[in-house]
């Protein structure tokens, strides 16, 4: 399934996350791998957890950071693609 502007995502039960010292730490429970996110990644992750779609996430990033819509969309799509490949999010079917 391809990511579109209206796509939303779920965080699977096999992934745990917490805010720790103003950072988001994500843990893949099965492998024990963990990740921390930069400021933009944190904003995207919170939006994913709130079931926001790609378009809403992108607009949110544009409003928070000095970036064009096109660049924000590129970054959001890259982030989401990486999260899908790492099985840290799953794509909801529309």
PDB file of N, CA and C in Angstrom:
ATOM      1  N   UNK A   1       0.855  -1.186   0.000  1.00  0.00           N
ATOM      2  CA  UNK A   1       0.000   0.000   0.000  1.00  0.00           C
ATOM      3  C   UNK A   1       0.896   1.244   0.000  1.00  0.00           C
ATOM      4  N   UNK A   2       0.504   2.202  -0.757  1.00  0.00           N
ATOM      5  CA  UNK A   2       1.296   3.423  -0.899  1.00  0.00           C
ATOM      6  C   UNK A   2       0.816   4.515   0.054  1.00  0.00           C
ATOM      7  N   UNK A   3       1.750   5.316   0.524  1.00  0.00           N
ATOM      8  CA  UNK A   3       1.432   6.435   1.414  1.00  0.00           C
ATOM      9  C   UNK A   3       0.830   7.571   0.576  1.00  0.00           C
ATOM     10  N   UNK A   4      -0.285   8.119   1.059  1.00  0.00           N
ATOM     11  CA  UNK A   4      -0.912   9.266   0.403  1.00  0.00           C
ATOM     12  C   UNK A   4      -1.089  10.391   1.413  1.00  0.00           C
ATOM     13  N   UNK A   5      -1.595  11.533   0.953  1.00  0.00           N
ATOM     14  CA  UNK A   5      -1.801  12.692   1.826  1.00  0.00           C
ATOM     15  C   UNK A   5      -2.791  12.391   2.953  1.00  0.00           C
ATOM     16  N   UNK A   6      -3.698  11.452   2.725  1.00  0.00           N
ATOM     17  CA  UNK A   6      -4.721  11.117   3.722  1.00  0.00           C
ATOM     18  C   UNK A   6      -4.356   9.900   4.567  1.00  0.00           C
ATOM     19  N   UNK A   7      -3.184   9.328   4.345  1.00  0.00           N
ATOM     20  CA  UNK A   7      -2.750   8.157   5.105  1.00  0.00           C
ATOM     21  C   UNK A   7      -2.563   8.498   6.582  1.00  0.00           C
ATOM     22  N   UNK A   8      -2.972   7.549   7.423  1.00  0.00           N
ATOM     23  CA  UNK A   8      -2.704   7.630   8.855  1.00  0.00           C
ATOM     24  C   UNK A   8      -1.983   6.353   9.266  1.00  0.00           C
ATOM     25  N   UNK A   9      -1.414   6.377  10.458  1.00  0.00           N
ATOM     26  CA  UNK A   9      -0.567   5.281  10.903  1.00  0.00           C
ATOM     27  C   UNK A   9      -0.902   4.877  12.327  1.00  0.00           C
ATOM     28  N   UNK A  10      -0.551   3.646  12.663  1.00  0.00           N
ATOM     29  CA  UNK A  10      -0.661   3.133  14.024  1.00  0.00           C
ATOM     30  C   UNK A  10       0.721   2.795  14.539  1.00  0.00           C
ATOM     31  N   UNK A  11       0.882   2.888  15.827  1.00  0.00           N
ATOM     32  CA  UNK A  11       2.100   2.425  16.479  1.00  0.00           C
ATOM     33  C   UNK A  11       1.772   1.042  17.024  1.00  0.00           C
ATOM     34  N   UNK A  12       2.445   0.002  16.503  1.00  0.00           N
ATOM     35  CA  UNK A  12       2.100  -1.364  16.922  1.00  0.00           C
ATOM     36  C   UNK A  12       2.423  -1.630  18.394  1.00  0.00           C
ATOM     37  N   UNK A  13       1.790  -2.661  18.955  1.00  0.00           N
ATOM     38  CA  UNK A  13       2.021  -3.024  20.352  1.00  0.00           C
ATOM     39  C   UNK A  13       3.448  -3.485  20.592  1.00  0.00           C
ATOM     40  N   UNK A  14       4.152  -3.855  19.527  1.00  0.00           N
ATOM     41  CA  UNK A  14       5.538  -4.315  19.655  1.00  0.00           C
ATOM     42  C   UNK A  14       6.526  -3.156  19.772  1.00  0.00           C
ATOM     43  N   UNK A  15       5.986  -1.916  19.806  1.00  0.00           N
ATOM     44  CA  UNK A  15       6.816  -0.712  19.914  1.00  0.00           C
ATOM     45  C   UNK A  15       6.355   0.083  21.136  1.00  0.00           C
ATOM     46  N   UNK A  16       7.299   0.410  21.999  1.00  0.00           N
ATOM     47  CA  UNK A  16       7.007   1.244  23.171  1.00  0.00           C
ATOM     48  C   UNK A  16       7.742   2.564  23.002  1.00  0.00           C
ATOM     49  N   UNK A  17       7.156   3.623  23.534  1.00  0.00           N
ATOM     50  CA  UNK A  17       7.833   4.924  23.462  1.00  0.00           C
ATOM     51  C   UNK A  17       7.483   5.766  24.671  1.00  0.00           C
ATOM     52  N   UNK A  18       8.423   6.640  24.994  1.00  0.00           N
ATOM     53  CA  UNK A  18       8.246   7.539  26.131  1.00  0.00           C
ATOM     54  C   UNK A  18       8.992   8.839  25.878  1.00  0.00           C
ATOM     55  N   UNK A  19       8.536   9.887  26.561  1.00  0.00           N
ATOM     56  CA  UNK A  19       9.299  11.131  26.610  1.00  0.00           C
ATOM     57  C   UNK A  19      10.286  11.013  27.761  1.00  0.00           C
ATOM     58  N   UNK A  20      11.560  11.210  27.466  1.00  0.00           N
ATOM     59  CA  UNK A  20      12.609  11.128  28.481  1.00  0.00           C
ATOM     60  C   UNK A  20      13.522  12.331  28.310  1.00  0.00           C
ATOM     61  N   UNK A  21      13.559  13.201  29.307  1.00  0.00           N
ATOM     62  CA  UNK A  21      14.419  14.392  29.257  1.00  0.00           C
ATOM     63  C   UNK A  21      14.256  15.171  27.958  1.00  0.00           C
ATOM     64  N   UNK A  22      13.018  15.491  27.619  1.00  0.00           N
ATOM     65  CA  UNK A  22      12.691  16.267  26.416  1.00  0.00           C
ATOM     66  C   UNK A  22      13.076  15.569  25.113  1.00  0.00           C
ATOM     67  N   UNK A  23      13.213  14.260  25.144  1.00  0.00           N
ATOM     68  CA  UNK A  23      13.442  13.473  23.937  1.00  0.00           C
ATOM     69  C   UNK A  23      12.430  12.340  23.899  1.00  0.00           C
ATOM     70  N   UNK A  24      12.130  11.891  22.702  1.00  0.00           N
ATOM     71  CA  UNK A  24      11.311  10.695  22.568  1.00  0.00           C
ATOM     72  C   UNK A  24      12.253   9.520  22.353  1.00  0.00           C
ATOM     73  N   UNK A  25      12.063   8.499  23.180  1.00  0.00           N
ATOM     74  CA  UNK A  25      12.818   7.265  23.051  1.00  0.00           C
ATOM     75  C   UNK A  25      11.834   6.183  22.622  1.00  0.00           C
ATOM     76  N   UNK A  26      12.182   5.486  21.539  1.00  0.00           N
ATOM     77  CA  UNK A  26      11.331   4.438  20.991  1.00  0.00           C
ATOM     78  C   UNK A  26      12.068   3.114  21.146  1.00  0.00           C
ATOM     79  N   UNK A  27      11.359   2.102  21.641  1.00  0.00           N
ATOM     80  CA  UNK A  27      11.951   0.790  21.862  1.00  0.00           C
ATOM     81  C   UNK A  27      11.168  -0.263  21.085  1.00  0.00           C
ATOM     82  N   UNK A  28      11.892  -1.026  20.260  1.00  0.00           N
ATOM     83  CA  UNK A  28      11.296  -2.187  19.605  1.00  0.00           C
ATOM     84  C   UNK A  28      11.420  -3.345  20.593  1.00  0.00           C
ATOM     85  N   UNK A  29      10.288  -3.765  21.142  1.00  0.00           N
ATOM     86  CA  UNK A  29      10.281  -4.720  22.240  1.00  0.00           C
ATOM     87  C   UNK A  29      10.880  -6.075  21.859  1.00  0.00           C
ATOM     88  N   UNK A  30      10.654  -6.533  20.641  1.00  0.00           N
ATOM     89  CA  UNK A  30      11.139  -7.855  20.243  1.00  0.00           C
ATOM     90  C   UNK A  30      12.653  -7.895  20.079  1.00  0.00           C
ATOM     91  N   UNK A  31      13.228  -6.827  19.537  1.00  0.00           N
ATOM     92  CA  UNK A  31      14.673  -6.836  19.250  1.00  0.00           C
ATOM     93  C   UNK A  31      15.495  -6.117  20.319  1.00  0.00           C
ATOM     94  N   UNK A  32      14.844  -5.266  21.115  1.00  0.00           N
ATOM     95  CA  UNK A  32      15.567  -4.484  22.103  1.00  0.00           C
ATOM     96  C   UNK A  32      16.245  -3.250  21.522  1.00  0.00           C
ATOM     97  N   UNK A  33      16.061  -3.018  20.223  1.00  0.00           N
ATOM     98  CA  UNK A  33      16.635  -1.825  19.595  1.00  0.00           C
ATOM     99  C   UNK A  33      15.881  -0.601  20.079  1.00  0.00           C
ATOM    100  N   UNK A  34      16.626   0.489  20.272  1.00  0.00           N
ATOM    101  CA  UNK A  34      15.952   1.725  20.650  1.00  0.00           C
ATOM    102  C   UNK A  34      16.464   2.885  19.807  1.00  0.00           C
ATOM    103  N   UNK A  35      15.639   3.894  19.711  1.00  0.00           N
ATOM    104  CA  UNK A  35      15.901   5.052  18.862  1.00  0.00           C
ATOM    105  C   UNK A  35      15.533   6.314  19.625  1.00  0.00           C
ATOM    106  N   UNK A  36      16.212   7.398  19.328  1.00  0.00           N
ATOM    107  CA  UNK A  36      15.807   8.718  19.805  1.00  0.00           C
ATOM    108  C   UNK A  36      15.535   9.570  18.577  1.00  0.00           C
ATOM    109  N   UNK A  37      14.656  10.537  18.727  1.00  0.00           N
ATOM    110  CA  UNK A  37      14.242  11.369  17.600  1.00  0.00           C
ATOM    111  C   UNK A  37      14.693  12.808  17.787  1.00  0.00           C
ATOM    112  N   UNK A  38      15.033  13.453  16.660  1.00  0.00           N
ATOM    113  CA  UNK A  38      15.337  14.874  16.702  1.00  0.00           C
ATOM    114  C   UNK A  38      14.035  15.655  16.859  1.00  0.00           C
ATOM    115  N   UNK A  39      14.120  16.959  16.904  1.00  0.00           N
ATOM    116  CA  UNK A  39      12.950  17.803  17.167  1.00  0.00           C
ATOM    117  C   UNK A  39      11.846  17.619  16.128  1.00  0.00           C
ATOM    118  N   UNK A  40      12.220  17.550  14.862  1.00  0.00           N
ATOM    119  CA  UNK A  40      11.220  17.352  13.801  1.00  0.00           C
ATOM    120  C   UNK A  40      10.613  15.961  13.932  1.00  0.00           C
ATOM    121  N   UNK A  41      11.461  14.960  14.138  1.00  0.00           N
ATOM    122  CA  UNK A  41      10.969  13.594  14.307  1.00  0.00           C
ATOM    123  C   UNK A  41      10.008  13.465  15.473  1.00  0.00           C
ATOM    124  N   UNK A  42      10.283  14.180  16.559  1.00  0.00           N
ATOM    125  CA  UNK A  42       9.394  14.158  17.713  1.00  0.00           C
ATOM    126  C   UNK A  42       8.020  14.705  17.360  1.00  0.00           C
ATOM    127  N   UNK A  43       7.987  15.782  16.597  1.00  0.00           N
ATOM    128  CA  UNK A  43       6.707  16.373  16.192  1.00  0.00           C
ATOM    129  C   UNK A  43       5.922  15.404  15.308  1.00  0.00           C
ATOM    130  N   UNK A  44       6.621  14.752  14.388  1.00  0.00           N
ATOM    131  CA  UNK A  44       5.968  13.782  13.504  1.00  0.00           C
ATOM    132  C   UNK A  44       5.447  12.610  14.334  1.00  0.00           C
ATOM    133  N   UNK A  45       6.253  12.118  15.259  1.00  0.00           N
ATOM    134  CA  UNK A  45       5.854  10.966  16.073  1.00  0.00           C
ATOM    135  C   UNK A  45       4.610  11.284  16.903  1.00  0.00           C
ATOM    136  N   UNK A  46       4.581  12.453  17.528  1.00  0.00           N
ATOM    137  CA  UNK A  46       3.389  12.843  18.293  1.00  0.00           C
ATOM    138  C   UNK A  46       2.163  12.898  17.388  1.00  0.00           C
ATOM    139  N   UNK A  47       2.325  13.425  16.190  1.00  0.00           N
ATOM    140  CA  UNK A  47       1.202  13.501  15.252  1.00  0.00           C
ATOM    141  C   UNK A  47       0.730  12.107  14.847  1.00  0.00           C
ATOM    142  N   UNK A  48       1.667  11.186  14.650  1.00  0.00           N
ATOM    143  CA  UNK A  48       1.298   9.801  14.340  1.00  0.00           C
ATOM    144  C   UNK A  48       0.480   9.229  15.493  1.00  0.00           C
ATOM    145  N   UNK A  49       0.924   9.464  16.716  1.00  0.00           N
ATOM    146  CA  UNK A  49       0.235   8.916  17.890  1.00  0.00           C
ATOM    147  C   UNK A  49      -1.165   9.506  18.047  1.00  0.00           C
ATOM    148  N   UNK A  50      -1.396  10.665  17.442  1.00  0.00           N
ATOM    149  CA  UNK A  50      -2.714  11.316  17.481  1.00  0.00           C
ATOM    150  C   UNK A  50      -3.543  11.005  16.241  1.00  0.00           C
ATOM    151  N   UNK A  51      -3.075  10.048  15.426  1.00  0.00           N
ATOM    152  CA  UNK A  51      -3.787   9.602  14.227  1.00  0.00           C
ATOM    153  C   UNK A  51      -3.972  10.701  13.171  1.00  0.00           C
ATOM    154  N   UNK A  52      -3.043  11.664  13.129  1.00  0.00           N
ATOM    155  CA  UNK A  52      -3.114  12.709  12.108  1.00  0.00           C
ATOM    156  C   UNK A  52      -2.633  12.157  10.776  1.00  0.00           C
ATOM    157  N   UNK A  53      -3.222  12.665   9.689  1.00  0.00           N
ATOM    158  CA  UNK A  53      -2.813  12.184   8.373  1.00  0.00           C
ATOM    159  C   UNK A  53      -1.572  12.936   7.881  1.00  0.00           C
ATOM    160  N   UNK A  54      -1.007  12.445   6.793  1.00  0.00           N
ATOM    161  CA  UNK A  54       0.246  12.987   6.261  1.00  0.00           C
ATOM    162  C   UNK A  54       0.124  14.479   5.963  1.00  0.00           C
ATOM    163  N   UNK A  55      -0.977  14.889   5.380  1.00  0.00           N
ATOM    164  CA  UNK A  55      -1.166  16.306   5.049  1.00  0.00           C
ATOM    165  C   UNK A  55      -1.167  17.171   6.316  1.00  0.00           C
ATOM    166  N   UNK A  56      -1.879  16.733   7.342  1.00  0.00           N
ATOM    167  CA  UNK A  56      -1.927  17.481   8.605  1.00  0.00           C
ATOM    168  C   UNK A  56      -0.557  17.542   9.265  1.00  0.00           C
ATOM    169  N   UNK A  57       0.160  16.423   9.231  1.00  0.00           N
ATOM    170  CA  UNK A  57       1.506  16.389   9.809  1.00  0.00           C
ATOM    171  C   UNK A  57       2.409  17.380   9.083  1.00  0.00           C
ATOM    172  N   UNK A  58       2.337  17.375   7.765  1.00  0.00           N
ATOM    173  CA  UNK A  58       3.184  18.268   6.964  1.00  0.00           C
ATOM    174  C   UNK A  58       2.876  19.730   7.264  1.00  0.00           C
ATOM    175  N   UNK A  59       1.607  20.084   7.332  1.00  0.00           N
ATOM    176  CA  UNK A  59       1.224  21.464   7.641  1.00  0.00           C
ATOM    177  C   UNK A  59       1.699  21.861   9.036  1.00  0.00           C
ATOM    178  N   UNK A  60       1.645  20.931   9.969  1.00  0.00           N
ATOM    179  CA  UNK A  60       2.116  21.180  11.331  1.00  0.00           C
ATOM    180  C   UNK A  60       3.617  21.492  11.317  1.00  0.00           C
ATOM    181  N   UNK A  61       4.379  20.732  10.562  1.00  0.00           N
ATOM    182  CA  UNK A  61       5.826  20.946  10.469  1.00  0.00           C
ATOM    183  C   UNK A  61       6.117  22.309   9.842  1.00  0.00           C
ATOM    184  N   UNK A  62       5.386  22.674   8.810  1.00  0.00           N
ATOM    185  CA  UNK A  62       5.564  23.985   8.160  1.00  0.00           C
ATOM    186  C   UNK A  62       5.300  25.110   9.153  1.00  0.00           C
ATOM    187  N   UNK A  63       4.271  24.942   9.995  1.00  0.00           N
ATOM    188  CA  UNK A  63       3.931  25.977  10.972  1.00  0.00           C
ATOM    189  C   UNK A  63       4.968  26.111  12.085  1.00  0.00           C
ATOM    190  N   UNK A  64       5.647  25.027  12.414  1.00  0.00           N
ATOM    191  CA  UNK A  64       6.615  25.051  13.512  1.00  0.00           C
ATOM    192  C   UNK A  64       8.033  25.418  13.103  1.00  0.00           C
ATOM    193  N   UNK A  65       8.389  25.082  11.870  1.00  0.00           N
ATOM    194  CA  UNK A  65       9.774  25.241  11.429  1.00  0.00           C
ATOM    195  C   UNK A  65       9.837  26.091  10.170  1.00  0.00           C
ATOM    196  N   UNK A  66      10.973  26.678   9.929  1.00  0.00           N
ATOM    197  CA  UNK A  66      11.188  27.521   8.756  1.00  0.00           C
ATOM    198  C   UNK A  66      11.490  26.632   7.550  1.00  0.00           C
ATOM    199  N   UNK A  67      10.426  26.096   6.951  1.00  0.00           N
ATOM    200  CA  UNK A  67      10.579  25.134   5.861  1.00  0.00           C
ATOM    201  C   UNK A  67       9.385  25.279   4.909  1.00  0.00           C
ATOM    202  N   UNK A  68       9.626  25.023   3.628  1.00  0.00           N
ATOM    203  CA  UNK A  68       8.534  25.062   2.649  1.00  0.00           C
ATOM    204  C   UNK A  68       7.672  23.815   2.795  1.00  0.00           C
ATOM    205  N   UNK A  69       6.469  23.896   2.271  1.00  0.00           N
ATOM    206  CA  UNK A  69       5.565  22.736   2.304  1.00  0.00           C
ATOM    207  C   UNK A  69       6.204  21.556   1.579  1.00  0.00           C
ATOM    208  N   UNK A  70       6.817  21.821   0.432  1.00  0.00           N
ATOM    209  CA  UNK A  70       7.415  20.754  -0.376  1.00  0.00           C
ATOM    210  C   UNK A  70       8.535  20.042   0.392  1.00  0.00           C
ATOM    211  N   UNK A  71       9.404  20.807   1.042  1.00  0.00           N
ATOM    212  CA  UNK A  71      10.506  20.217   1.807  1.00  0.00           C
ATOM    213  C   UNK A  71       9.971  19.468   3.025  1.00  0.00           C
ATOM    214  N   UNK A  72       8.975  20.043   3.689  1.00  0.00           N
ATOM    215  CA  UNK A  72       8.371  19.373   4.842  1.00  0.00           C
ATOM    216  C   UNK A  72       7.738  18.046   4.415  1.00  0.00           C
ATOM    217  N   UNK A  73       7.020  18.053   3.297  1.00  0.00           N
ATOM    218  CA  UNK A  73       6.384  16.833   2.799  1.00  0.00           C
ATOM    219  C   UNK A  73       7.448  15.780   2.477  1.00  0.00           C
ATOM    220  N   UNK A  74       8.518  16.192   1.844  1.00  0.00           N
ATOM    221  CA  UNK A  74       9.614  15.272   1.524  1.00  0.00           C
ATOM    222  C   UNK A  74      10.176  14.648   2.806  1.00  0.00           C
ATOM    223  N   UNK A  75      10.420  15.465   3.818  1.00  0.00           N
ATOM    224  CA  UNK A  75      10.974  14.980   5.080  1.00  0.00           C
ATOM    225  C   UNK A  75       9.989  14.072   5.817  1.00  0.00           C
ATOM    226  N   UNK A  76       8.722  14.445   5.835  1.00  0.00           N
ATOM    227  CA  UNK A  76       7.699  13.629   6.501  1.00  0.00           C
ATOM    228  C   UNK A  76       7.589  12.274   5.812  1.00  0.00           C
ATOM    229  N   UNK A  77       7.556  12.273   4.490  1.00  0.00           N
ATOM    230  CA  UNK A  77       7.445  11.015   3.745  1.00  0.00           C
ATOM    231  C   UNK A  77       8.663  10.127   3.973  1.00  0.00           C
ATOM    232  N   UNK A  78       9.837  10.721   4.016  1.00  0.00           N
ATOM    233  CA  UNK A  78      11.063   9.950   4.256  1.00  0.00           C
ATOM    234  C   UNK A  78      11.028   9.334   5.660  1.00  0.00           C
ATOM    235  N   UNK A  79      10.629  10.138   6.646  1.00  0.00           N
ATOM    236  CA  UNK A  79      10.520   9.659   8.022  1.00  0.00           C
ATOM    237  C   UNK A  79       9.538   8.489   8.096  1.00  0.00           C
ATOM    238  N   UNK A  80       8.352   8.664   7.518  1.00  0.00           N
ATOM    239  CA  UNK A  80       7.327   7.627   7.575  1.00  0.00           C
ATOM    240  C   UNK A  80       7.768   6.360   6.849  1.00  0.00           C
ATOM    241  N   UNK A  81       8.417   6.522   5.718  1.00  0.00           N
ATOM    242  CA  UNK A  81       8.921   5.377   4.972  1.00  0.00           C
ATOM    243  C   UNK A  81       9.929   4.595   5.813  1.00  0.00           C
ATOM    244  N   UNK A  82      10.839   5.302   6.480  1.00  0.00           N
ATOM    245  CA  UNK A  82      11.816   4.637   7.352  1.00  0.00           C
ATOM    246  C   UNK A  82      11.137   3.929   8.519  1.00  0.00           C
ATOM    247  N   UNK A  83      10.132   4.574   9.114  1.00  0.00           N
ATOM    248  CA  UNK A  83       9.419   3.961  10.230  1.00  0.00           C
ATOM    249  C   UNK A  83       8.675   2.698   9.786  1.00  0.00           C
ATOM    250  N   UNK A  84       8.114   2.729   8.584  1.00  0.00           N
ATOM    251  CA  UNK A  84       7.445   1.541   8.040  1.00  0.00           C
ATOM    252  C   UNK A  84       8.445   0.413   7.809  1.00  0.00           C
ATOM    253  N   UNK A  85       9.587   0.740   7.216  1.00  0.00           N
ATOM    254  CA  UNK A  85      10.617  -0.274   6.941  1.00  0.00           C
ATOM    255  C   UNK A  85      11.134  -0.908   8.217  1.00  0.00           C
ATOM    256  N   UNK A  86      11.199  -0.128   9.293  1.00  0.00           N
ATOM    257  CA  UNK A  86      11.678  -0.631  10.589  1.00  0.00           C
ATOM    258  C   UNK A  86      10.558  -1.277  11.418  1.00  0.00           C
ATOM    259  N   UNK A  87       9.342  -1.333  10.852  1.00  0.00           N
ATOM    260  CA  UNK A  87       8.160  -1.894  11.535  1.00  0.00           C
ATOM    261  C   UNK A  87       7.836  -1.156  12.831  1.00  0.00           C
ATOM    262  N   UNK A  88       8.115   0.153  12.832  1.00  0.00           N
ATOM    263  CA  UNK A  88       7.829   0.964  14.025  1.00  0.00           C
ATOM    264  C   UNK A  88       6.470   1.645  13.927  1.00  0.00           C
ATOM    265  N   UNK A  89       5.908   1.667  12.735  1.00  0.00           N
ATOM    266  CA  UNK A  89       4.535   2.114  12.519  1.00  0.00           C
ATOM    267  C   UNK A  89       3.926   1.193  11.474  1.00  0.00           C
ATOM    268  N   UNK A  90       2.616   1.182  11.429  1.00  0.00           N
ATOM    269  CA  UNK A  90       1.907   0.449  10.365  1.00  0.00           C
ATOM    270  C   UNK A  90       0.928   1.415   9.711  1.00  0.00           C
ATOM    271  N   UNK A  91       0.742   1.226   8.446  1.00  0.00           N
ATOM    272  CA  UNK A  91      -0.134   2.074   7.642  1.00  0.00           C
ATOM    273  C   UNK A  91      -1.575   1.627   7.800  1.00  0.00           C
ATOM    274  N   UNK A  92      -2.458   2.544   8.149  1.00  0.00           N
ATOM    275  CA  UNK A  92      -3.883   2.242   8.219  1.00  0.00           C
ATOM    276  C   UNK A  92      -4.443   2.182   6.809  1.00  0.00           C
ATOM    277  N   UNK A  93      -5.348   1.273   6.581  1.00  0.00           N
ATOM    278  CA  UNK A  93      -5.999   1.190   5.279  1.00  0.00           C
ATOM    279  C   UNK A  93      -7.117   2.214   5.222  1.00  0.00           C
ATOM    280  N   UNK A  94      -7.216   2.868   4.077  1.00  0.00           N
ATOM    281  CA  UNK A  94      -8.238   3.923   3.907  1.00  0.00           C
ATOM    282  C   UNK A  94      -9.515   3.303   3.373  1.00  0.00           C
TER     283      UNK A  94
END
